Amino acid sequence: MKLIDGWKAAWRYHVVLAAAALAALNFVQAHPEVVGLVGQILPADRMKQLNELAPLAIIFLRLIAQPKATAAVQAAAAANPTAPAAPADPSKEPS
């Protein structure tokens, strides 16, 4: 397995942020002691709705071009001399 070039800057992609939010939401739902704390802010029915819609949002966000994030990832890859530079073609964004 090879990580994408500039993987340390990949947090700038909306899809990475959405996947992290989904992971956090699933963590909260899996731990009843945390659900009580978060339940004061986010009701259980709203958490369920977010959990159902998040995978669709991740797919949608992956399809959106993000030139600023891609440029940042490419710059991070260029700053790392051991890794080959990311392609300049925005249609070849990392997954």
C-alpha atoms as a PDB file:
ATOM      1  CA  MET A   1       0.000   0.000   0.000  1.00  0.00           C
ATOM      2  CA  LYS A   2       1.303   3.442  -0.934  1.00  0.00           C
ATOM      3  CA  LEU A   3      -0.058   6.607   0.590  1.00  0.00           C
ATOM      4  CA  ILE A   4      -0.892   9.541  -1.630  1.00  0.00           C
ATOM      5  CA  ASP A   5       1.789  12.154  -2.121  1.00  0.00           C
ATOM      6  CA  GLY A   6       1.380  14.907   0.450  1.00  0.00           C
ATOM      7  CA  TRP A   7      -0.813  12.745   2.698  1.00  0.00           C
ATOM      8  CA  LYS A   8      -0.100  14.951   5.721  1.00  0.00           C
ATOM      9  CA  ALA A   9      -1.978  17.805   4.020  1.00  0.00           C
ATOM     10  CA  ALA A  10      -4.923  15.599   2.983  1.00  0.00           C
ATOM     11  CA  TRP A  11      -7.012  16.884   5.913  1.00  0.00           C
ATOM     12  CA  ARG A  12      -7.766  19.877   3.671  1.00  0.00           C
ATOM     13  CA  TYR A  13     -10.032  17.738   1.495  1.00  0.00           C
ATOM     14  CA  HIS A  14     -13.698  18.045   2.457  1.00  0.00           C
ATOM     15  CA  VAL A  15     -14.123  14.304   2.064  1.00  0.00           C
ATOM     16  CA  VAL A  16     -11.445  13.628   4.689  1.00  0.00           C
ATOM     17  CA  LEU A  17     -13.131  16.013   7.118  1.00  0.00           C
ATOM     18  CA  ALA A  18     -16.534  14.398   6.487  1.00  0.00           C
ATOM     19  CA  ALA A  19     -15.113  10.913   7.010  1.00  0.00           C
ATOM     20  CA  ALA A  20     -13.525  12.044  10.292  1.00  0.00           C
ATOM     21  CA  ALA A  21     -16.851  13.515  11.410  1.00  0.00           C
ATOM     22  CA  LEU A  22     -18.605  10.240  10.555  1.00  0.00           C
ATOM     23  CA  ALA A  23     -15.992   8.291  12.518  1.00  0.00           C
ATOM     24  CA  ALA A  24     -16.512  10.594  15.506  1.00  0.00           C
ATOM     25  CA  LEU A  25     -20.284  10.212  15.239  1.00  0.00           C
ATOM     26  CA  ASN A  26     -19.974   6.428  15.145  1.00  0.00           C
ATOM     27  CA  PHE A  27     -17.657   6.538  18.166  1.00  0.00           C
ATOM     28  CA  VAL A  28     -20.217   8.571  20.083  1.00  0.00           C
ATOM     29  CA  GLN A  29     -23.015   6.164  19.190  1.00  0.00           C
ATOM     30  CA  ALA A  30     -20.912   3.139  20.172  1.00  0.00           C
ATOM     31  CA  HIS A  31     -20.141   4.468  23.650  1.00  0.00           C
ATOM     32  CA  PRO A  32     -23.277   5.024  25.746  1.00  0.00           C
ATOM     33  CA  GLU A  33     -21.411   7.100  28.336  1.00  0.00           C
ATOM     34  CA  VAL A  34     -20.548   9.667  25.644  1.00  0.00           C
ATOM     35  CA  VAL A  35     -24.040   9.666  24.115  1.00  0.00           C
ATOM     36  CA  GLY A  36     -25.394  11.271  27.272  1.00  0.00           C
ATOM     37  CA  LEU A  37     -22.933  14.148  27.033  1.00  0.00           C
ATOM     38  CA  VAL A  38     -23.421  14.723  23.319  1.00  0.00           C
ATOM     39  CA  GLY A  39     -27.167  14.125  23.566  1.00  0.00           C
ATOM     40  CA  GLN A  40     -27.539  17.473  25.280  1.00  0.00           C
ATOM     41  CA  ILE A  41     -26.204  19.155  22.133  1.00  0.00           C
ATOM     42  CA  LEU A  42     -27.369  16.747  19.430  1.00  0.00           C
ATOM     43  CA  PRO A  43     -30.570  14.699  19.978  1.00  0.00           C
ATOM     44  CA  ALA A  44     -30.486  10.965  19.201  1.00  0.00           C
ATOM     45  CA  ASP A  45     -32.854  11.260  16.235  1.00  0.00           C
ATOM     46  CA  ARG A  46     -30.615  13.964  14.705  1.00  0.00           C
ATOM     47  CA  MET A  47     -27.543  11.750  15.251  1.00  0.00           C
ATOM     48  CA  LYS A  48     -29.325   8.930  13.446  1.00  0.00           C
ATOM     49  CA  GLN A  49     -30.168  11.212  10.504  1.00  0.00           C
ATOM     50  CA  LEU A  50     -26.571  12.422  10.266  1.00  0.00           C
ATOM     51  CA  ASN A  51     -25.313   8.840  10.397  1.00  0.00           C
ATOM     52  CA  GLU A  52     -27.618   7.899   7.516  1.00  0.00           C
ATOM     53  CA  LEU A  53     -26.710  10.897   5.345  1.00  0.00           C
ATOM     54  CA  ALA A  54     -22.965  11.021   6.006  1.00  0.00           C
ATOM     55  CA  PRO A  55     -21.972   8.265   3.536  1.00  0.00           C
ATOM     56  CA  LEU A  56     -23.862  10.077   0.778  1.00  0.00           C
ATOM     57  CA  ALA A  57     -22.149  13.323   1.709  1.00  0.00           C
ATOM     58  CA  ILE A  58     -18.756  11.602   1.560  1.00  0.00           C
ATOM     59  CA  ILE A  59     -19.472  10.313  -1.947  1.00  0.00           C
ATOM     60  CA  PHE A  60     -20.701  13.749  -3.047  1.00  0.00           C
ATOM     61  CA  LEU A  61     -17.714  15.549  -1.524  1.00  0.00           C
ATOM     62  CA  ARG A  62     -15.314  13.179  -3.250  1.00  0.00           C
ATOM     63  CA  LEU A  63     -16.724  14.208  -6.619  1.00  0.00           C
ATOM     64  CA  ILE A  64     -16.297  17.956  -6.037  1.00  0.00           C
ATOM     65  CA  ALA A  65     -13.114  19.513  -7.416  1.00  0.00           C
ATOM     66  CA  GLN A  66     -11.117  21.212  -4.667  1.00  0.00           C
ATOM     67  CA  PRO A  67      -8.300  23.098  -6.394  1.00  0.00           C
ATOM     68  CA  LYS A  68      -7.090  24.908  -3.252  1.00  0.00           C
ATOM     69  CA  ALA A  69      -6.844  21.656  -1.290  1.00  0.00           C
ATOM     70  CA  THR A  70      -5.203  19.903  -4.233  1.00  0.00           C
ATOM     71  CA  ALA A  71      -2.642  22.711  -4.517  1.00  0.00           C
ATOM     72  CA  ALA A  72      -1.874  22.447  -0.795  1.00  0.00           C
ATOM     73  CA  VAL A  73      -1.428  18.681  -1.017  1.00  0.00           C
ATOM     74  CA  GLN A  74       0.813  19.065  -4.061  1.00  0.00           C
ATOM     75  CA  ALA A  75       2.866  21.719  -2.270  1.00  0.00           C
ATOM     76  CA  ALA A  76       3.275  19.410   0.713  1.00  0.00           C
ATOM     77  CA  ALA A  77       4.343  16.596  -1.606  1.00  0.00           C
ATOM     78  CA  ALA A  78       6.852  18.895  -3.318  1.00  0.00           C
ATOM     79  CA  ALA A  79       8.277  19.888   0.070  1.00  0.00           C
ATOM     80  CA  ASN A  80       9.026  16.211   0.792  1.00  0.00           C
ATOM     81  CA  PRO A  81      11.985  15.351  -1.447  1.00  0.00           C
ATOM     82  CA  THR A  82      11.681  11.601  -0.814  1.00  0.00           C
ATOM     83  CA  ALA A  83       8.231  11.398  -2.345  1.00  0.00           C
ATOM     84  CA  PRO A  84       7.533  11.946  -6.039  1.00  0.00           C
ATOM     85  CA  ALA A  85       5.567  15.096  -6.840  1.00  0.00           C
ATOM     86  CA  ALA A  86       1.815  14.779  -7.210  1.00  0.00           C
ATOM     87  CA  PRO A  87       0.418  15.112 -10.742  1.00  0.00           C
ATOM     88  CA  ALA A  88      -0.388  18.672 -11.786  1.00  0.00           C
ATOM     89  CA  ASP A  89      -3.601  17.549 -13.472  1.00  0.00           C
ATOM     90  CA  PRO A  90      -6.525  18.311 -11.073  1.00  0.00           C
ATOM     91  CA  SER A  91      -8.526  15.449 -12.578  1.00  0.00           C
ATOM     92  CA  LYS A  92      -6.009  13.100 -10.991  1.00  0.00           C
ATOM     93  CA  GLU A  93      -6.748  14.134  -7.412  1.00  0.00           C
ATOM     94  CA  PRO A  94      -5.933  11.506  -4.762  1.00  0.00           C
ATOM     95  CA  SER A  95      -8.750   9.351  -3.419  1.00  0.00           C
END
